[in-house]
Protein backbone atom coordinates (compact mmCIF):
# COMPACT_ATOMS: atom_id res chain seq x y z
CA MET A 1 21.44 -20.01 -25.57
CA LYS A 2 18.72 -18.95 -27.33
CA LEU A 3 18.80 -15.12 -28.37
CA ILE A 4 15.29 -12.68 -28.22
CA PRO A 5 14.90 -10.97 -31.51
CA ALA A 6 15.05 -7.32 -31.71
CA ALA A 7 11.85 -6.74 -32.84
CA ALA A 8 10.20 -9.20 -29.69
CA SER A 9 13.06 -7.50 -27.50
CA ARG A 10 11.31 -4.26 -27.84
CA ARG A 11 7.96 -5.28 -27.77
CA LEU A 12 8.70 -6.64 -24.50
CA PHE A 13 10.52 -3.84 -22.81
CA THR A 14 7.55 -1.57 -24.15
CA ALA A 15 4.94 -3.83 -22.77
CA THR A 16 7.07 -4.14 -19.40
CA GLY A 17 7.36 -0.61 -19.04
CA LEU A 18 3.66 0.67 -19.72
CA ALA A 19 2.54 -2.50 -16.73
CA LEU A 20 5.55 -0.39 -14.52
CA ALA A 21 3.89 2.75 -15.12
CA MET A 22 0.39 1.50 -14.54
CA LEU A 23 1.46 0.01 -10.96
CA ALA A 24 3.26 3.54 -10.11
CA ALA A 25 -0.10 5.66 -11.65
CA ALA A 26 -2.66 2.98 -9.48
CA PRO A 27 -4.50 4.84 -6.82
CA ALA A 28 -3.37 3.74 -3.30
CA GLN A 29 -6.09 1.42 -1.30
CA ALA A 30 -9.65 2.74 -1.37
CA GLN A 31 -10.48 4.80 1.86
CA GLN A 32 -13.63 2.20 2.70
CA GLY A 33 -16.62 4.09 2.89
CA VAL A 34 -15.53 6.97 1.09
CA SER A 35 -16.31 7.08 -2.85
CA ARG A 36 -15.99 9.63 -5.55
CA ASN A 37 -19.56 10.78 -4.37
CA GLU A 38 -20.04 9.94 -1.03
CA ILE A 39 -19.19 9.13 2.41
CA VAL A 40 -21.04 6.48 4.25
CA VAL A 41 -21.50 6.30 8.08
CA GLY A 42 -22.90 4.01 10.67
CA THR A 43 -24.79 4.34 13.88
CA ILE A 44 -26.23 1.48 16.21
CA GLN A 45 -29.40 2.81 18.05
CA ASP A 46 -32.11 0.94 20.53
CA LEU A 47 -34.69 1.26 18.01
CA SER A 48 -36.80 -1.39 20.14
CA GLY A 49 -35.82 -2.12 23.64
CA PRO A 50 -36.01 -0.39 26.74
CA ILE A 51 -34.53 2.79 25.43
CA ALA A 52 -36.06 2.98 22.10
CA GLY A 53 -37.14 6.68 23.18
CA PHE A 54 -33.50 7.62 23.18
CA GLY A 55 -32.65 5.89 20.07
CA LYS A 56 -35.21 6.79 18.03
CA GLN A 57 -34.53 10.19 18.67
CA THR A 58 -31.08 10.24 18.18
CA ARG A 59 -31.56 9.04 14.63
CA LEU A 60 -34.06 11.64 13.89
CA GLY A 61 -31.50 14.35 14.92
CA MET A 62 -28.69 12.86 13.16
CA MET A 63 -30.95 12.37 9.48
CA LEU A 64 -32.06 15.97 10.15
CA ARG A 65 -28.02 17.70 10.04
CA VAL A 66 -27.23 14.75 7.36
CA ASP A 67 -30.09 16.06 5.12
CA GLU A 68 -28.95 19.57 5.71
CA VAL A 69 -25.99 19.19 5.16
CA ASN A 70 -26.37 17.21 1.39
CA GLU A 71 -28.76 20.07 0.41
CA GLN A 72 -25.99 22.09 1.29
CA GLY A 73 -23.51 20.22 -1.32
CA GLY A 74 -22.33 18.03 0.72
CA ILE A 75 -18.76 17.94 2.13
CA ASN A 76 -16.25 18.59 -0.05
CA GLY A 77 -18.36 17.52 -2.85
CA ARG A 78 -19.57 14.30 -1.51
CA ARG A 79 -23.02 13.24 -0.28
CA LEU A 80 -23.20 11.45 3.21
CA LYS A 81 -25.24 8.69 3.56
CA LEU A 82 -25.95 7.20 7.66
CA GLN A 83 -26.50 3.89 7.81
CA VAL A 84 -28.60 2.44 10.83
CA GLU A 85 -28.72 -0.62 12.92
CA ASP A 86 -31.03 -1.76 15.92
CA SER A 87 -29.18 -3.04 18.84
CA GLY A 88 -32.34 -3.25 21.32
CA TYR A 89 -29.72 -2.40 23.55
CA ASP A 90 -28.53 -5.32 23.78
CA PRO A 91 -24.31 -5.78 23.15
CA ARG A 92 -24.68 -9.21 21.48
CA ARG A 93 -27.29 -7.39 19.05
CA ALA A 94 -24.75 -4.44 19.13
CA VAL A 95 -21.91 -6.39 17.99
CA LEU A 96 -24.21 -7.75 14.95
CA GLY A 97 -25.12 -4.56 14.15
CA ALA A 98 -21.32 -3.76 14.07
CA GLN A 99 -20.42 -6.56 11.99
CA LYS A 100 -23.02 -5.71 9.46
CA LEU A 101 -21.88 -1.37 9.12
CA VAL A 102 -18.20 -2.24 9.01
CA ASN A 103 -17.77 -5.61 6.67
CA GLN A 104 -21.09 -5.18 4.69
CA ASP A 105 -22.00 -1.31 4.80
CA LYS A 106 -18.31 -0.92 4.32
CA ILE A 107 -18.87 2.38 6.86
CA PHE A 108 -16.00 4.54 7.47
CA ALA A 109 -17.16 5.79 10.97
CA MET A 110 -19.49 4.81 13.51
CA VAL A 111 -21.07 8.01 14.93
CA GLY A 112 -23.14 8.32 17.79
CA HIS A 113 -23.54 4.53 19.38
CA LEU A 114 -25.69 4.37 21.87
CA GLY A 115 -25.03 2.73 25.12
CA THR A 116 -22.04 1.70 27.03
CA ALA A 117 -22.51 -1.89 27.13
CA GLN A 118 -22.77 -1.86 23.26
CA ASN A 119 -20.10 0.40 22.63
CA MET A 120 -17.59 -2.02 24.45
CA ALA A 121 -18.99 -4.91 22.97
CA ALA A 122 -19.11 -3.35 19.33
CA MET A 123 -15.49 -1.67 18.97
CA PRO A 124 -13.02 -4.53 18.91
CA VAL A 125 -15.25 -5.53 15.44
CA GLN A 126 -14.25 -1.56 14.27
CA PHE A 127 -10.94 -1.39 15.44
CA GLU A 128 -9.79 -4.42 13.49
CA LYS A 129 -11.03 -2.31 10.24
CA ASN A 130 -9.85 0.79 11.37
CA VAL A 131 -13.11 2.04 11.62
CA ILE A 132 -13.16 5.30 14.04
CA ASN A 133 -15.63 5.19 17.19
CA PHE A 134 -17.17 8.81 16.95
CA MET A 135 -18.84 10.43 19.87
CA PRO A 136 -20.90 7.60 20.87
CA VAL A 137 -24.04 8.36 23.19
CA THR A 138 -22.76 7.59 26.50
CA ALA A 139 -20.89 9.17 28.85
CA ALA A 140 -18.70 6.43 30.16
CA ARG A 141 -15.07 6.95 30.28
CA GLU A 142 -14.10 3.52 28.19
CA MET A 143 -15.28 5.89 25.11
CA PHE A 144 -11.51 7.54 25.90
CA ASP A 145 -10.11 5.86 28.24
CA PRO A 146 -7.59 4.11 27.75
CA PHE A 147 -6.40 6.11 24.88
CA HIS A 148 -6.95 4.56 21.54
CA ARG A 149 -6.49 6.55 18.29
CA LEU A 150 -9.53 5.81 16.73
CA LYS A 151 -11.55 6.70 19.79
CA PHE A 152 -13.36 10.08 20.08
CA SER A 153 -15.70 11.03 22.63
CA ALA A 154 -17.87 14.12 23.19
CA PHE A 155 -19.63 15.25 26.46
CA ALA A 156 -18.77 15.01 30.02
CA THR A 157 -18.72 11.48 31.71
CA TYR A 158 -21.24 9.99 33.84
CA TYR A 159 -18.08 9.74 36.53
CA ASP A 160 -17.66 13.34 36.65
CA GLN A 161 -21.21 14.49 36.44
CA MET A 162 -21.59 12.82 39.88
CA ARG A 163 -17.96 13.59 41.28
CA LEU A 164 -18.26 17.35 40.77
CA LEU A 165 -22.51 18.05 40.67
CA LEU A 166 -23.12 15.43 43.85
CA PRO A 167 -20.96 17.66 46.54
CA LYS A 168 -22.49 20.83 45.54
CA LEU A 169 -26.23 19.80 45.67
CA VAL A 170 -25.22 17.76 49.06
CA ALA A 171 -23.90 21.24 50.66
CA GLU A 172 -26.97 22.94 48.86
CA ARG A 173 -29.64 20.50 50.62
CA LYS A 174 -27.66 20.00 53.47
CA THR A 175 -28.16 15.89 53.44
CA THR A 176 -26.22 13.27 55.11
CA LYS A 177 -27.32 10.06 54.45
CA PRO A 178 -26.44 9.81 50.79
CA CYS A 179 -27.46 6.06 48.71
CA ILE A 180 -27.41 4.95 45.27
CA ILE A 181 -29.56 2.17 43.01
CA TYR A 182 -27.94 1.86 40.05
CA GLN A 183 -28.37 -0.40 37.00
CA ASP A 184 -25.87 -3.70 37.27
CA ASP A 185 -23.93 -2.75 33.95
CA GLU A 186 -20.54 -0.81 33.14
CA PHE A 187 -23.13 2.60 32.83
CA GLY A 188 -24.57 2.31 36.74
CA LEU A 189 -21.26 1.06 37.94
CA GLU A 190 -19.40 4.20 36.79
CA VAL A 191 -22.54 6.27 38.56
CA LEU A 192 -22.04 4.32 41.47
CA ARG A 193 -17.60 5.05 41.22
CA GLY A 194 -18.63 8.77 40.45
CA ALA A 195 -21.01 9.10 43.06
CA GLU A 196 -18.06 7.84 45.52
CA GLU A 197 -15.41 9.97 44.88
CA GLY A 198 -17.91 12.89 44.80
CA LEU A 199 -19.01 12.29 48.36
CA LYS A 200 -15.24 11.89 49.86
CA ALA A 201 -15.31 15.81 49.03
CA VAL A 202 -17.82 16.30 51.88
CA ASN A 203 -16.68 13.33 54.22
CA GLN A 204 -19.63 11.41 53.33
CA THR A 205 -20.19 7.85 52.50
CA LEU A 206 -22.74 5.77 50.92
CA VAL A 207 -25.25 4.27 53.56
CA GLU A 208 -26.92 1.94 50.85
CA ARG A 209 -26.24 0.42 48.00
CA THR A 210 -28.69 -1.52 45.89
CA SER A 211 -28.73 -2.16 42.12
CA TYR A 212 -31.11 -3.96 39.32
CA LYS A 213 -30.66 -6.05 36.50
CA ARG A 214 -30.86 -4.16 32.97
CA GLY A 215 -34.69 -4.51 31.69
CA ALA A 216 -35.90 -4.89 35.43
CA THR A 217 -39.31 -3.40 35.77
CA ASP A 218 -40.18 -3.74 39.97
CA PHE A 219 -38.07 -1.58 42.12
CA THR A 220 -40.29 -2.29 45.34
CA SER A 221 -37.42 -4.25 47.26
CA GLN A 222 -35.08 -1.44 46.14
CA VAL A 223 -36.65 1.29 47.24
CA ALA A 224 -37.79 -0.84 50.75
CA ARG A 225 -33.87 -1.21 51.12
CA MET A 226 -33.18 2.86 50.76
CA LYS A 227 -36.22 3.82 52.98
CA ALA A 228 -35.11 1.72 55.59
CA ALA A 229 -31.36 2.94 55.52
CA ASN A 230 -33.32 6.63 56.02
CA CYS A 231 -31.57 8.29 52.91
CA ASP A 232 -32.05 11.63 52.20
CA LEU A 233 -30.66 11.77 49.16
CA VAL A 234 -30.83 9.06 46.13
CA VAL A 235 -28.25 8.73 43.60
CA LEU A 236 -29.78 7.02 40.45
CA GLY A 237 -28.23 5.44 38.38
CA THR A 238 -30.86 4.74 36.29
CA ILE A 239 -32.39 5.30 32.70
CA ILE A 240 -36.07 6.14 31.99
CA ARG A 241 -38.42 3.40 33.10
CA GLU A 242 -36.09 2.83 35.89
CA THR A 243 -36.10 6.49 37.17
CA ILE A 244 -39.71 6.48 36.41
CA GLY A 245 -40.54 2.96 38.32
CA THR A 246 -37.81 4.12 41.49
CA VAL A 247 -39.18 7.30 42.12
CA GLY A 248 -42.96 6.75 41.38
CA GLU A 249 -42.72 3.61 44.01
CA SER A 250 -41.06 5.88 46.51
CA ARG A 251 -43.59 8.83 46.39
CA LYS A 252 -46.29 6.01 46.90
CA THR A 253 -44.64 4.39 49.93
CA GLY A 254 -43.46 8.26 51.67
CA PHE A 255 -40.09 8.07 50.86
CA ASN A 256 -39.18 11.48 49.62
CA PRO A 257 -35.48 11.85 49.75
CA VAL A 258 -33.35 13.99 47.20
CA PHE A 259 -33.30 12.19 44.10
CA PHE A 260 -30.56 12.98 41.57
CA GLY A 261 -29.80 11.05 38.23
CA SER A 262 -27.08 11.58 35.75
CA SER A 263 -27.38 12.78 32.10
CA ALA A 264 -28.96 9.66 31.30
CA ALA A 265 -32.21 10.36 33.30
CA TYR A 266 -32.02 14.31 32.00
CA THR A 267 -34.98 13.34 29.04
CA ASP A 268 -38.53 14.84 29.14
CA LEU A 269 -40.15 11.25 28.87
CA ILE A 270 -39.51 11.36 32.86
CA HIS A 271 -41.91 13.72 33.44
CA ARG A 272 -44.15 13.20 30.31
CA LEU A 273 -44.73 9.46 31.49
CA GLY A 274 -43.98 9.61 35.30
CA GLY A 275 -46.78 12.56 35.61
CA PRO A 276 -46.47 15.27 38.92
CA ALA A 277 -44.82 12.51 40.65
CA MET A 278 -41.53 13.54 38.73
CA ASN A 279 -41.86 16.87 40.21
CA GLY A 280 -38.58 18.01 42.29
CA ILE A 281 -36.03 15.82 40.75
CA PHE A 282 -32.53 16.37 39.54
CA ALA A 283 -30.21 15.79 36.81
CA ALA A 284 -26.70 16.78 35.57
CA MET A 285 -27.05 18.16 31.90
CA THR A 286 -24.67 18.99 28.98
CA ALA A 287 -27.30 20.19 26.70
CA GLN A 288 -30.61 21.59 27.01
CA HIS A 289 -33.88 19.79 26.25
CA PRO A 290 -35.66 21.74 23.10
CA TYR A 291 -38.96 22.81 24.01
CA LEU A 292 -41.05 24.03 21.18
CA ASP A 293 -41.55 27.52 23.33
CA ASP A 294 -38.22 27.70 24.47
CA ALA A 295 -37.33 30.79 25.35
CA SER A 296 -34.63 31.45 23.22
CA GLN A 297 -35.30 32.06 19.73
CA PRO A 298 -32.45 29.85 17.77
CA VAL A 299 -33.76 26.75 20.10
CA ARG A 300 -37.34 27.31 19.78
CA PHE A 301 -36.53 27.22 15.75
CA TRP A 302 -35.08 24.61 15.32
CA ALA A 303 -37.42 22.26 17.62
CA ASN A 304 -40.49 23.89 15.21
CA LYS A 305 -38.28 22.77 12.33
CA PHE A 306 -37.45 19.30 13.73
CA LYS A 307 -41.33 18.48 14.60
CA THR A 308 -42.16 19.81 10.93
CA LYS A 309 -39.84 17.62 9.30
CA PHE A 310 -40.61 14.39 11.54
CA ASN A 311 -44.13 15.00 13.13
CA GLU A 312 -43.29 14.73 16.19
CA ASP A 313 -41.41 16.79 19.15
CA PRO A 314 -37.88 16.85 19.58
CA THR A 315 -35.87 15.43 22.49
CA VAL A 316 -32.63 16.02 24.46
CA PHE A 317 -31.81 12.93 22.52
CA SER A 318 -32.10 14.70 19.69
CA VAL A 319 -29.79 17.52 20.18
CA TYR A 320 -27.35 14.77 20.97
CA GLY A 321 -27.85 12.95 17.74
CA TYR A 322 -27.71 16.44 15.79
CA VAL A 323 -24.89 18.15 17.46
CA ILE A 324 -22.70 14.34 17.04
CA MET A 325 -23.57 14.57 13.46
CA ASP A 326 -22.39 18.35 13.19
CA SER A 327 -19.67 17.85 14.85
CA PHE A 328 -18.41 14.45 12.74
CA ILE A 329 -19.28 17.01 9.22
CA ARG A 330 -16.80 19.68 10.66
CA ALA A 331 -14.08 17.03 11.18
CA ALA A 332 -14.44 15.64 7.64
CA GLN A 333 -15.04 19.22 5.71
CA LYS A 334 -11.63 20.70 7.90
CA ALA A 335 -9.99 16.68 7.10
CA GLY A 336 -10.62 18.11 3.23
CA PRO A 337 -11.23 16.48 -0.51
CA ASN A 338 -8.86 13.41 0.33
CA LEU A 339 -10.79 11.60 3.51
CA THR A 340 -8.95 8.77 4.90
CA THR A 341 -8.56 7.63 8.49
CA ASP A 342 -5.39 9.31 9.08
CA SER A 343 -6.58 12.54 7.59
CA PHE A 344 -9.57 12.44 9.59
CA ILE A 345 -7.79 11.85 12.65
CA LYS A 346 -5.45 15.14 12.30
CA ALA A 347 -8.34 17.31 11.61
CA MET A 348 -9.55 16.25 15.52
CA ASP A 349 -6.32 16.34 16.80
CA THR A 350 -6.62 20.29 16.25
CA MET A 351 -10.37 20.65 16.46
CA THR A 352 -12.23 22.73 18.42
CA ILE A 353 -16.15 23.04 18.35
CA PRO A 354 -17.73 26.16 19.90
CA PRO A 355 -20.73 26.06 22.09
CA ASP A 356 -23.64 26.35 20.23
CA ILE A 357 -27.25 27.39 21.01
CA PHE A 358 -28.03 23.62 23.22
CA GLY A 359 -25.78 25.25 25.85
CA THR A 360 -23.31 22.89 24.75
CA GLY A 361 -19.94 23.78 25.90
CA GLU A 362 -16.89 24.44 23.98
CA MET A 363 -14.95 20.88 22.93
CA LYS A 364 -11.66 20.71 22.37
CA PHE A 365 -9.32 17.72 20.95
CA GLY A 366 -5.73 16.88 20.72
CA PRO A 367 -3.31 14.43 19.92
CA GLN A 368 -3.79 12.62 23.43
CA LYS A 369 -7.06 14.04 24.07
CA ARG A 370 -10.11 12.09 23.04
CA LEU A 371 -13.24 14.01 25.42
CA GLY A 372 -14.68 16.89 24.35
CA SER A 373 -15.40 18.35 27.53
CA ASN A 374 -16.41 17.25 31.09
CA ALA A 375 -18.19 20.20 32.03
CA SER A 376 -22.29 19.62 32.86
CA ARG A 377 -24.53 21.40 35.34
CA LEU A 378 -27.66 20.94 37.55
CA SER A 379 -31.59 20.94 35.66
CA GLN A 380 -34.21 20.14 37.97
CA ILE A 381 -38.35 19.22 37.15
CA THR A 382 -40.54 21.88 37.89
CA ASP A 383 -43.74 22.24 37.08
CA GLY A 384 -43.37 19.29 34.47
CA ARG A 385 -40.38 20.58 32.55
CA TRP A 386 -36.66 20.81 33.00
CA LYS A 387 -35.26 24.13 34.26
CA VAL A 388 -31.08 25.05 34.57
CA VAL A 389 -30.55 25.48 38.36
CA GLY A 390 -26.91 25.72 38.29
CA GLU A 391 -23.61 26.82 36.44
CA TYR A 392 -21.52 24.67 34.22
CA VAL A 393 -18.98 22.86 36.78
CA GLY A 394 -15.97 21.03 35.08
CA GLY A 395 -14.26 22.08 31.78
CA ASN A 396 -12.53 21.21 28.39
C-alpha cells in the first residue's frame, strides 16, 4: 500500500478542515423575496377588465403605504418593493400572473390579490413555492377555509355579511318576498349561500333566483323575472356595472324593491356612474369610503394626501389596499430582521391589528385563526353618497 507523505497528509487535512468549516458557516437556503436590502411582494389586480376601477384604486392604496414605509426607512432596514400583474379579472390570466410573480420576480408574499375565482386559481401556484396569500381583496370563505398555514384573510365574508345583516334589513323594512340576482361564480354563490342562511333566521326563503355570467351587460330578463315574482327585496350578488344595470333597469320598469348588496357593491362608482337612480341602495361595508370632505379630520387629511399624490380621488378600494399593505408591514416588522415565511407566520399567529381611521374593526389572528374579523355594517346611498345606517354586527 502506498503511503501519503507526512507533508501531503497535513495539507489534505488542512484543506478538508477548511472545507468543512466553510460548509458549517454557510447560510441556510436564502428566503425567496428577501435580500439584505429589500423585501419583494406581489399583487394581482384587474387593471383592464370589468372591475378595473377596483383594481387600479387598490394598487394606488398599496403604493401609497409602500412609499410611506420606504420614506421612513423601510421594514427593519429593508426597502419594500411591490410587483404588480394584471389579471383582467380572468382566472387564467391570474394563474399566469402568479407564475411570473412567484417564479421570475421571486416574491415573498402575494398581497391584496383581487377577486375570488382569481385567488382560487392562483393559490396552488403560490403554495407550491411556500408563498403566503396575504389578505386578498375578496370576502370569500375560501380565502381562509379550509385552513392552510399560508392563508390570511382580513374582512367579513360575503357569506357572513348576508347571514348577519339580511335578517336585520328584512325586519326593519318588513319585506316578505326576497329574491336574488347573482354572478354565476364563487363570488355570487357565496352571496347566495349567505342570503339563504340569513333568511332562515326570519323564516323566509328566496322566491326567485336569477344569475348572470361574469362580464354580462344586459339584465333585462333577470329584472323581468324578479318583477314578475313581486319581489319586495332584491339581494345583489353583483359588483359595479351589474349593480348599476340591475337597479337602473328596475327603476325604468317601475320595479322598486329594497336593494341590498355585499361589500363588493359598496363603491362610489355606483352613485358616480349610476346617478340618482342609485339612491336608496343598501350595501354591507367593512371600511368607510374616504370622501375628500369627510367629517372625520384624519380621513379627510388622508384622502387629500392621496389625491395630491395620484391626482385622483381615493375610493374604499384605495382604503383596502392601504390597510392591507399596512397590515403586512406590521407583521413583517414584528417578524424581526430575520424575515422568513416561518417567522412571518409566527408573528401573525399572535397579531392583533387595532381599529383604524376608516372604521375598520379590530382584527385578530391565531395559530388556527386565519380570518381577522367577520364584522360588517349597513350603509345606504343617500343624496348621491354612502352613509352609515347601522352598527357593526359580528366580531373577530
